[in-house]
Amino acid sequence: IAIASGRRAGAALRVALRDASAHRSPNAGWPEGAMAGALD
């Protein structure tokens, strides 16, 4: 998702790395966090 977001790649990765662990799922927070960062 980060690669596909182009110029938002850094933001996508930052949000995923920062917020994924707060998600109730040990895995779903990663793609959802990247999506949130990519779309701001």
All heavy atoms as atom14 arrays in JSON, in Angstrom:
{
  "sequence": "IAIASGRRAGAALRVALRDASAHRSPNAGWPEGAMAGALD",
  "atom14_mask": [
    [1, 1, 1, 1, 1, 1, 1, 1, 0, 0, 0, 0, 0, 0],
    [1, 1, 1, 1, 1, 0, 0, 0, 0, 0, 0, 0, 0, 0],
    [1, 1, 1, 1, 1, 1, 1, 1, 0, 0, 0, 0, 0, 0],
    [1, 1, 1, 1, 1, 0, 0, 0, 0, 0, 0, 0, 0, 0],
    [1, 1, 1, 1, 1, 1, 0, 0, 0, 0, 0, 0, 0, 0],
    [1, 1, 1, 1, 0, 0, 0, 0, 0, 0, 0, 0, 0, 0],
    [1, 1, 1, 1, 1, 1, 1, 1, 1, 1, 1, 0, 0, 0],
    [1, 1, 1, 1, 1, 1, 1, 1, 1, 1, 1, 0, 0, 0],
    [1, 1, 1, 1, 1, 0, 0, 0, 0, 0, 0, 0, 0, 0],
    [1, 1, 1, 1, 0, 0, 0, 0, 0, 0, 0, 0, 0, 0],
    [1, 1, 1, 1, 1, 0, 0, 0, 0, 0, 0, 0, 0, 0],
    [1, 1, 1, 1, 1, 0, 0, 0, 0, 0, 0, 0, 0, 0],
    [1, 1, 1, 1, 1, 1, 1, 1, 0, 0, 0, 0, 0, 0],
    [1, 1, 1, 1, 1, 1, 1, 1, 1, 1, 1, 0, 0, 0],
    [1, 1, 1, 1, 1, 1, 1, 0, 0, 0, 0, 0, 0, 0],
    [1, 1, 1, 1, 1, 0, 0, 0, 0, 0, 0, 0, 0, 0],
    [1, 1, 1, 1, 1, 1, 1, 1, 0, 0, 0, 0, 0, 0],
    [1, 1, 1, 1, 1, 1, 1, 1, 1, 1, 1, 0, 0, 0],
    [1, 1, 1, 1, 1, 1, 1, 1, 0, 0, 0, 0, 0, 0],
    [1, 1, 1, 1, 1, 0, 0, 0, 0, 0, 0, 0, 0, 0],
    [1, 1, 1, 1, 1, 1, 0, 0, 0, 0, 0, 0, 0, 0],
    [1, 1, 1, 1, 1, 0, 0, 0, 0, 0, 0, 0, 0, 0],
    [1, 1, 1, 1, 1, 1, 1, 1, 1, 1, 0, 0, 0, 0],
    [1, 1, 1, 1, 1, 1, 1, 1, 1, 1, 1, 0, 0, 0],
    [1, 1, 1, 1, 1, 1, 0, 0, 0, 0, 0, 0, 0, 0],
    [1, 1, 1, 1, 1, 1, 1, 0, 0, 0, 0, 0, 0, 0],
    [1, 1, 1, 1, 1, 1, 1, 1, 0, 0, 0, 0, 0, 0],
    [1, 1, 1, 1, 1, 0, 0, 0, 0, 0, 0, 0, 0, 0],
    [1, 1, 1, 1, 0, 0, 0, 0, 0, 0, 0, 0, 0, 0],
    [1, 1, 1, 1, 1, 1, 1, 1, 1, 1, 1, 1, 1, 1],
    [1, 1, 1, 1, 1, 1, 1, 0, 0, 0, 0, 0, 0, 0],
    [1, 1, 1, 1, 1, 1, 1, 1, 1, 0, 0, 0, 0, 0],
    [1, 1, 1, 1, 0, 0, 0, 0, 0, 0, 0, 0, 0, 0],
    [1, 1, 1, 1, 1, 0, 0, 0, 0, 0, 0, 0, 0, 0],
    [1, 1, 1, 1, 1, 1, 1, 1, 0, 0, 0, 0, 0, 0],
    [1, 1, 1, 1, 1, 0, 0, 0, 0, 0, 0, 0, 0, 0],
    [1, 1, 1, 1, 0, 0, 0, 0, 0, 0, 0, 0, 0, 0],
    [1, 1, 1, 1, 1, 0, 0, 0, 0, 0, 0, 0, 0, 0],
    [1, 1, 1, 1, 1, 1, 1, 1, 0, 0, 0, 0, 0, 0],
    [1, 1, 1, 1, 1, 1, 1, 1, 0, 0, 0, 0, 0, 0]
  ],
  "atom14_positions": [
    [[0.84, -1.2, 0.0], [0.0, 0.0, 0.0], [0.88, 1.25, 0.0], [0.61, 2.22, -0.72], [-0.95, -0.02, 1.21], [-2.02, -1.1, 1.02], [-1.61, 1.34, 1.41], [-2.87, -1.37, 2.26], [0.0, 0.0, 0.0], [0.0, 0.0, 0.0], [0.0, 0.0, 0.0], [0.0, 0.0, 0.0], [0.0, 0.0, 0.0], [0.0, 0.0, 0.0]],
    [[1.95, 1.23, 0.78], [2.85, 2.38, 0.83], [3.5, 2.62, -0.53], [3.55, 3.76, -1.02], [3.92, 2.16, 1.9], [0.0, 0.0, 0.0], [0.0, 0.0, 0.0], [0.0, 0.0, 0.0], [0.0, 0.0, 0.0], [0.0, 0.0, 0.0], [0.0, 0.0, 0.0], [0.0, 0.0, 0.0], [0.0, 0.0, 0.0], [0.0, 0.0, 0.0]],
    [[4.0, 1.56, -1.16], [4.63, 1.7, -2.48], [3.64, 2.27, -3.48], [3.95, 3.18, -4.27], [5.17, 0.35, -2.97], [6.35, -0.1, -2.09], [5.61, 0.42, -4.43], [6.78, -1.53, -2.33], [0.0, 0.0, 0.0], [0.0, 0.0, 0.0], [0.0, 0.0, 0.0], [0.0, 0.0, 0.0], [0.0, 0.0, 0.0], [0.0, 0.0, 0.0]],
    [[2.41, 1.74, -3.45], [1.39, 2.18, -4.41], [0.91, 3.6, -4.16], [0.31, 4.21, -5.04], [0.2, 1.22, -4.36], [0.0, 0.0, 0.0], [0.0, 0.0, 0.0], [0.0, 0.0, 0.0], [0.0, 0.0, 0.0], [0.0, 0.0, 0.0], [0.0, 0.0, 0.0], [0.0, 0.0, 0.0], [0.0, 0.0, 0.0], [0.0, 0.0, 0.0]],
    [[1.18, 4.14, -2.96], [0.7, 5.49, -2.65], [1.65, 6.58, -3.14], [1.36, 7.77, -2.97], [0.49, 5.63, -1.14], [1.72, 5.53, -0.43], [0.0, 0.0, 0.0], [0.0, 0.0, 0.0], [0.0, 0.0, 0.0], [0.0, 0.0, 0.0], [0.0, 0.0, 0.0], [0.0, 0.0, 0.0], [0.0, 0.0, 0.0], [0.0, 0.0, 0.0]],
    [[2.79, 6.19, -3.73], [3.69, 7.17, -4.33], [4.28, 8.13, -3.32], [4.96, 7.73, -2.38], [0.0, 0.0, 0.0], [0.0, 0.0, 0.0], [0.0, 0.0, 0.0], [0.0, 0.0, 0.0], [0.0, 0.0, 0.0], [0.0, 0.0, 0.0], [0.0, 0.0, 0.0], [0.0, 0.0, 0.0], [0.0, 0.0, 0.0], [0.0, 0.0, 0.0]],
    [[3.97, 9.42, -3.47], [4.56, 10.43, -2.6], [4.08, 10.33, -1.16], [4.69, 10.92, -0.26], [4.26, 11.83, -3.15], [5.03, 12.17, -4.43], [4.71, 13.56, -4.91], [3.32, 13.69, -5.35], [2.77, 14.82, -5.79], [3.49, 15.93, -5.84], [1.5, 14.85, -6.17], [0.0, 0.0, 0.0], [0.0, 0.0, 0.0], [0.0, 0.0, 0.0]],
    [[3.01, 9.59, -0.93], [2.5, 9.4, 0.44], [3.08, 8.14, 1.08], [2.64, 7.75, 2.17], [0.98, 9.27, 0.42], [0.23, 10.5, -0.05], [0.23, 11.61, 0.96], [-0.27, 11.21, 2.26], [-0.28, 12.0, 3.33], [0.22, 13.23, 3.24], [-0.75, 11.58, 4.49], [0.0, 0.0, 0.0], [0.0, 0.0, 0.0], [0.0, 0.0, 0.0]],
    [[4.08, 7.52, 0.45], [4.63, 6.27, 0.97], [5.18, 6.43, 2.37], [4.96, 5.59, 3.25], [5.72, 5.74, 0.02], [0.0, 0.0, 0.0], [0.0, 0.0, 0.0], [0.0, 0.0, 0.0], [0.0, 0.0, 0.0], [0.0, 0.0, 0.0], [0.0, 0.0, 0.0], [0.0, 0.0, 0.0], [0.0, 0.0, 0.0], [0.0, 0.0, 0.0]],
    [[5.92, 7.52, 2.62], [6.49, 7.73, 3.93], [5.42, 7.87, 5.0], [5.53, 7.3, 6.09], [0.0, 0.0, 0.0], [0.0, 0.0, 0.0], [0.0, 0.0, 0.0], [0.0, 0.0, 0.0], [0.0, 0.0, 0.0], [0.0, 0.0, 0.0], [0.0, 0.0, 0.0], [0.0, 0.0, 0.0], [0.0, 0.0, 0.0], [0.0, 0.0, 0.0]],
    [[4.37, 8.63, 4.69], [3.27, 8.82, 5.64], [2.56, 7.5, 5.91], [2.2, 7.19, 7.05], [2.29, 9.86, 5.12], [0.0, 0.0, 0.0], [0.0, 0.0, 0.0], [0.0, 0.0, 0.0], [0.0, 0.0, 0.0], [0.0, 0.0, 0.0], [0.0, 0.0, 0.0], [0.0, 0.0, 0.0], [0.0, 0.0, 0.0], [0.0, 0.0, 0.0]],
    [[2.36, 6.7, 4.86], [1.69, 5.41, 5.03], [2.48, 4.5, 5.96], [1.92, 3.87, 6.87], [1.5, 4.74, 3.66], [0.0, 0.0, 0.0], [0.0, 0.0, 0.0], [0.0, 0.0, 0.0], [0.0, 0.0, 0.0], [0.0, 0.0, 0.0], [0.0, 0.0, 0.0], [0.0, 0.0, 0.0], [0.0, 0.0, 0.0], [0.0, 0.0, 0.0]],
    [[3.79, 4.45, 5.75], [4.63, 3.6, 6.61], [4.7, 4.14, 8.04], [4.68, 3.37, 9.0], [6.03, 3.5, 6.02], [6.16, 2.64, 4.75], [7.58, 2.7, 4.22], [5.76, 1.19, 5.04], [0.0, 0.0, 0.0], [0.0, 0.0, 0.0], [0.0, 0.0, 0.0], [0.0, 0.0, 0.0], [0.0, 0.0, 0.0], [0.0, 0.0, 0.0]],
    [[4.78, 5.44, 8.19], [4.86, 6.02, 9.53], [3.62, 5.69, 10.36], [3.72, 5.31, 11.53], [5.05, 7.54, 9.45], [6.48, 7.97, 9.17], [6.66, 9.46, 9.45], [5.79, 10.3, 8.64], [6.09, 10.74, 7.42], [7.24, 10.38, 6.86], [5.25, 11.5, 6.76], [0.0, 0.0, 0.0], [0.0, 0.0, 0.0], [0.0, 0.0, 0.0]],
    [[2.46, 5.86, 9.76], [1.22, 5.58, 10.49], [1.12, 4.1, 10.82], [0.75, 3.73, 11.95], [-0.01, 6.05, 9.7], [-1.3, 5.63, 10.41], [0.02, 7.57, 9.52], [0.0, 0.0, 0.0], [0.0, 0.0, 0.0], [0.0, 0.0, 0.0], [0.0, 0.0, 0.0], [0.0, 0.0, 0.0], [0.0, 0.0, 0.0], [0.0, 0.0, 0.0]],
    [[1.46, 3.23, 9.86], [1.4, 1.79, 10.13], [2.34, 1.4, 11.26], [1.96, 0.67, 12.18], [1.73, 1.01, 8.85], [0.0, 0.0, 0.0], [0.0, 0.0, 0.0], [0.0, 0.0, 0.0], [0.0, 0.0, 0.0], [0.0, 0.0, 0.0], [0.0, 0.0, 0.0], [0.0, 0.0, 0.0], [0.0, 0.0, 0.0], [0.0, 0.0, 0.0]],
    [[3.56, 1.91, 11.23], [4.54, 1.57, 12.26], [4.14, 2.13, 13.63], [4.35, 1.49, 14.66], [5.92, 2.11, 11.86], [6.61, 1.37, 10.71], [7.79, 2.19, 10.2], [7.07, 0.0, 11.15], [0.0, 0.0, 0.0], [0.0, 0.0, 0.0], [0.0, 0.0, 0.0], [0.0, 0.0, 0.0], [0.0, 0.0, 0.0], [0.0, 0.0, 0.0]],
    [[3.55, 3.31, 13.62], [3.21, 3.96, 14.89], [1.92, 3.39, 15.52], [1.86, 3.2, 16.74], [3.03, 5.46, 14.65], [2.77, 6.27, 15.91], [2.37, 7.69, 15.54], [1.06, 7.73, 14.88], [0.72, 8.66, 13.98], [1.57, 9.61, 13.63], [-0.49, 8.63, 13.44], [0.0, 0.0, 0.0], [0.0, 0.0, 0.0], [0.0, 0.0, 0.0]],
    [[0.91, 3.13, 14.68], [-0.43, 2.86, 15.22], [-0.88, 1.42, 15.13], [-1.89, 1.07, 15.76], [-1.46, 3.74, 14.49], [-1.28, 5.22, 14.77], [-0.49, 5.56, 15.67], [-1.92, 6.03, 14.08], [0.0, 0.0, 0.0], [0.0, 0.0, 0.0], [0.0, 0.0, 0.0], [0.0, 0.0, 0.0], [0.0, 0.0, 0.0], [0.0, 0.0, 0.0]],
    [[-0.2, 0.58, 14.36], [-0.69, -0.79, 14.15], [-0.86, -1.55, 15.45], [-1.81, -2.32, 15.63], [0.24, -1.55, 13.21], [0.0, 0.0, 0.0], [0.0, 0.0, 0.0], [0.0, 0.0, 0.0], [0.0, 0.0, 0.0], [0.0, 0.0, 0.0], [0.0, 0.0, 0.0], [0.0, 0.0, 0.0], [0.0, 0.0, 0.0], [0.0, 0.0, 0.0]],
    [[0.05, -1.35, 16.38], [0.0, -2.11, 17.64], [-1.19, -1.72, 18.51], [-1.55, -2.47, 19.43], [1.3, -1.9, 18.43], [1.46, -0.52, 18.76], [0.0, 0.0, 0.0], [0.0, 0.0, 0.0], [0.0, 0.0, 0.0], [0.0, 0.0, 0.0], [0.0, 0.0, 0.0], [0.0, 0.0, 0.0], [0.0, 0.0, 0.0], [0.0, 0.0, 0.0]],
    [[-1.82, -0.57, 18.25], [-2.99, -0.16, 19.02], [-4.25, -0.87, 18.56], [-5.27, -0.86, 19.27], [-3.18, 1.35, 18.92], [0.0, 0.0, 0.0], [0.0, 0.0, 0.0], [0.0, 0.0, 0.0], [0.0, 0.0, 0.0], [0.0, 0.0, 0.0], [0.0, 0.0, 0.0], [0.0, 0.0, 0.0], [0.0, 0.0, 0.0], [0.0, 0.0, 0.0]],
    [[-4.21, -1.48, 17.39], [-5.4, -2.15, 16.84], [-5.71, -3.4, 17.65], [-4.82, -4.05, 18.2], [-5.14, -2.5, 15.38], [-6.37, -2.76, 14.58], [-7.07, -3.94, 14.64], [-7.04, -1.98, 13.68], [-8.11, -3.88, 13.82], [-8.11, -2.69, 13.23], [0.0, 0.0, 0.0], [0.0, 0.0, 0.0], [0.0, 0.0, 0.0], [0.0, 0.0, 0.0]],
    [[-6.99, -3.76, 17.71], [-7.39, -4.96, 18.46], [-6.84, -6.23, 17.84], [-6.69, -7.24, 18.51], [-8.92, -5.05, 18.52], [-9.58, -5.34, 17.17], [-11.08, -5.18, 17.22], [-11.71, -5.57, 15.96], [-11.74, -4.81, 14.88], [-11.15, -3.62, 14.9], [-12.32, -5.21, 13.77], [0.0, 0.0, 0.0], [0.0, 0.0, 0.0], [0.0, 0.0, 0.0]],
    [[-6.54, -6.19, 16.54], [-5.97, -7.34, 15.84], [-4.46, -7.19, 15.76], [-3.96, -6.09, 15.52], [-6.55, -7.45, 14.43], [-5.77, -8.29, 13.61], [0.0, 0.0, 0.0], [0.0, 0.0, 0.0], [0.0, 0.0, 0.0], [0.0, 0.0, 0.0], [0.0, 0.0, 0.0], [0.0, 0.0, 0.0], [0.0, 0.0, 0.0], [0.0, 0.0, 0.0]],
    [[-3.71, -8.28, 15.91], [-2.25, -8.18, 15.77], [-1.8, -7.93, 14.34], [-0.63, -7.62, 14.11], [-1.76, -9.54, 16.28], [-2.9, -10.47, 16.03], [-4.13, -9.65, 16.25], [0.0, 0.0, 0.0], [0.0, 0.0, 0.0], [0.0, 0.0, 0.0], [0.0, 0.0, 0.0], [0.0, 0.0, 0.0], [0.0, 0.0, 0.0], [0.0, 0.0, 0.0]],
    [[-2.71, -8.05, 13.38], [-2.33, -7.93, 11.97], [-3.09, -6.84, 11.21], [-2.51, -6.15, 10.39], [-2.54, -9.27, 11.26], [-1.63, -10.35, 11.8], [-0.44, -10.13, 12.01], [-2.17, -11.53, 12.06], [0.0, 0.0, 0.0], [0.0, 0.0, 0.0], [0.0, 0.0, 0.0], [0.0, 0.0, 0.0], [0.0, 0.0, 0.0], [0.0, 0.0, 0.0]],
    [[-4.38, -6.69, 11.48], [-5.19, -5.8, 10.65], [-4.75, -4.34, 10.74], [-4.94, -3.56, 9.8], [-6.66, -5.92, 11.04], [0.0, 0.0, 0.0], [0.0, 0.0, 0.0], [0.0, 0.0, 0.0], [0.0, 0.0, 0.0], [0.0, 0.0, 0.0], [0.0, 0.0, 0.0], [0.0, 0.0, 0.0], [0.0, 0.0, 0.0], [0.0, 0.0, 0.0]],
    [[-4.15, -3.95, 11.86], [-3.7, -2.58, 11.99], [-2.64, -2.17, 10.99], [-2.5, -0.97, 10.7], [0.0, 0.0, 0.0], [0.0, 0.0, 0.0], [0.0, 0.0, 0.0], [0.0, 0.0, 0.0], [0.0, 0.0, 0.0], [0.0, 0.0, 0.0], [0.0, 0.0, 0.0], [0.0, 0.0, 0.0], [0.0, 0.0, 0.0], [0.0, 0.0, 0.0]],
    [[-1.9, -3.12, 10.45], [-0.83, -2.79, 9.5], [-1.39, -2.28, 8.17], [-1.08, -1.16, 7.76], [0.09, -3.99, 9.31], [0.95, -4.19, 10.5], [0.67, -4.95, 11.6], [2.22, -3.59, 10.75], [1.7, -4.87, 12.51], [2.66, -4.04, 12.02], [3.03, -2.72, 10.03], [3.87, -3.64, 12.58], [4.24, -2.32, 10.57], [4.65, -2.78, 11.83]],
    [[-2.23, -3.05, 7.45], [-2.77, -2.49, 6.21], [-3.72, -1.32, 6.45], [-3.76, -0.37, 5.65], [-3.5, -3.68, 5.57], [-3.79, -4.62, 6.7], [-2.63, -4.46, 7.64], [0.0, 0.0, 0.0], [0.0, 0.0, 0.0], [0.0, 0.0, 0.0], [0.0, 0.0, 0.0], [0.0, 0.0, 0.0], [0.0, 0.0, 0.0], [0.0, 0.0, 0.0]],
    [[-4.48, -1.36, 7.55], [-5.39, -0.25, 7.82], [-4.62, 1.02, 8.16], [-4.99, 2.12, 7.72], [-6.34, -0.61, 8.96], [-7.38, -1.65, 8.59], [-8.35, -1.93, 9.72], [-8.54, -1.05, 10.58], [-8.92, -3.04, 9.75], [0.0, 0.0, 0.0], [0.0, 0.0, 0.0], [0.0, 0.0, 0.0], [0.0, 0.0, 0.0], [0.0, 0.0, 0.0]],
    [[-3.55, 0.88, 8.94], [-2.72, 2.04, 9.24], [-2.08, 2.62, 8.0], [-2.02, 3.85, 7.82], [0.0, 0.0, 0.0], [0.0, 0.0, 0.0], [0.0, 0.0, 0.0], [0.0, 0.0, 0.0], [0.0, 0.0, 0.0], [0.0, 0.0, 0.0], [0.0, 0.0, 0.0], [0.0, 0.0, 0.0], [0.0, 0.0, 0.0], [0.0, 0.0, 0.0]],
    [[-1.58, 1.75, 7.13], [-0.97, 2.22, 5.88], [-2.01, 2.93, 5.02], [-1.71, 3.96, 4.39], [-0.35, 1.04, 5.13], [0.0, 0.0, 0.0], [0.0, 0.0, 0.0], [0.0, 0.0, 0.0], [0.0, 0.0, 0.0], [0.0, 0.0, 0.0], [0.0, 0.0, 0.0], [0.0, 0.0, 0.0], [0.0, 0.0, 0.0], [0.0, 0.0, 0.0]],
    [[-3.22, 2.39, 4.97], [-4.29, 3.03, 4.2], [-4.6, 4.41, 4.77], [-4.75, 5.39, 4.03], [-5.54, 2.15, 4.23], [-6.75, 2.73, 3.51], [-6.57, 2.73, 1.71], [-6.96, 1.0, 1.38], [0.0, 0.0, 0.0], [0.0, 0.0, 0.0], [0.0, 0.0, 0.0], [0.0, 0.0, 0.0], [0.0, 0.0, 0.0], [0.0, 0.0, 0.0]],
    [[-4.71, 4.51, 6.11], [-5.0, 5.79, 6.74], [-3.91, 6.82, 6.41], [-4.2, 7.98, 6.11], [-5.13, 5.61, 8.25], [0.0, 0.0, 0.0], [0.0, 0.0, 0.0], [0.0, 0.0, 0.0], [0.0, 0.0, 0.0], [0.0, 0.0, 0.0], [0.0, 0.0, 0.0], [0.0, 0.0, 0.0], [0.0, 0.0, 0.0], [0.0, 0.0, 0.0]],
    [[-2.64, 6.4, 6.48], [-1.55, 7.32, 6.18], [-1.51, 7.7, 4.71], [-1.23, 8.86, 4.36], [0.0, 0.0, 0.0], [0.0, 0.0, 0.0], [0.0, 0.0, 0.0], [0.0, 0.0, 0.0], [0.0, 0.0, 0.0], [0.0, 0.0, 0.0], [0.0, 0.0, 0.0], [0.0, 0.0, 0.0], [0.0, 0.0, 0.0], [0.0, 0.0, 0.0]],
    [[-1.78, 6.73, 3.84], [-1.74, 7.01, 2.4], [-2.81, 7.99, 1.97], [-2.6, 8.82, 1.08], [-1.89, 5.7, 1.62], [0.0, 0.0, 0.0], [0.0, 0.0, 0.0], [0.0, 0.0, 0.0], [0.0, 0.0, 0.0], [0.0, 0.0, 0.0], [0.0, 0.0, 0.0], [0.0, 0.0, 0.0], [0.0, 0.0, 0.0], [0.0, 0.0, 0.0]],
    [[-4.0, 7.91, 2.59], [-5.12, 8.77, 2.21], [-5.24, 10.01, 3.1], [-6.11, 10.85, 2.86], [-6.43, 7.98, 2.27], [-6.54, 6.77, 1.35], [-7.89, 6.08, 1.56], [-6.35, 7.15, -0.11], [0.0, 0.0, 0.0], [0.0, 0.0, 0.0], [0.0, 0.0, 0.0], [0.0, 0.0, 0.0], [0.0, 0.0, 0.0], [0.0, 0.0, 0.0]],
    [[-4.38, 10.1, 4.13], [-4.43, 11.21, 5.09], [-5.82, 11.33, 5.7], [-6.45, 12.4, 5.69], [-4.03, 12.52, 4.42], [-3.78, 13.63, 5.46], [-3.47, 13.29, 6.62], [-3.93, 14.82, 5.11], [0.0, 0.0, 0.0], [0.0, 0.0, 0.0], [0.0, 0.0, 0.0], [0.0, 0.0, 0.0], [0.0, 0.0, 0.0], [0.0, 0.0, 0.0]]
  ]
}
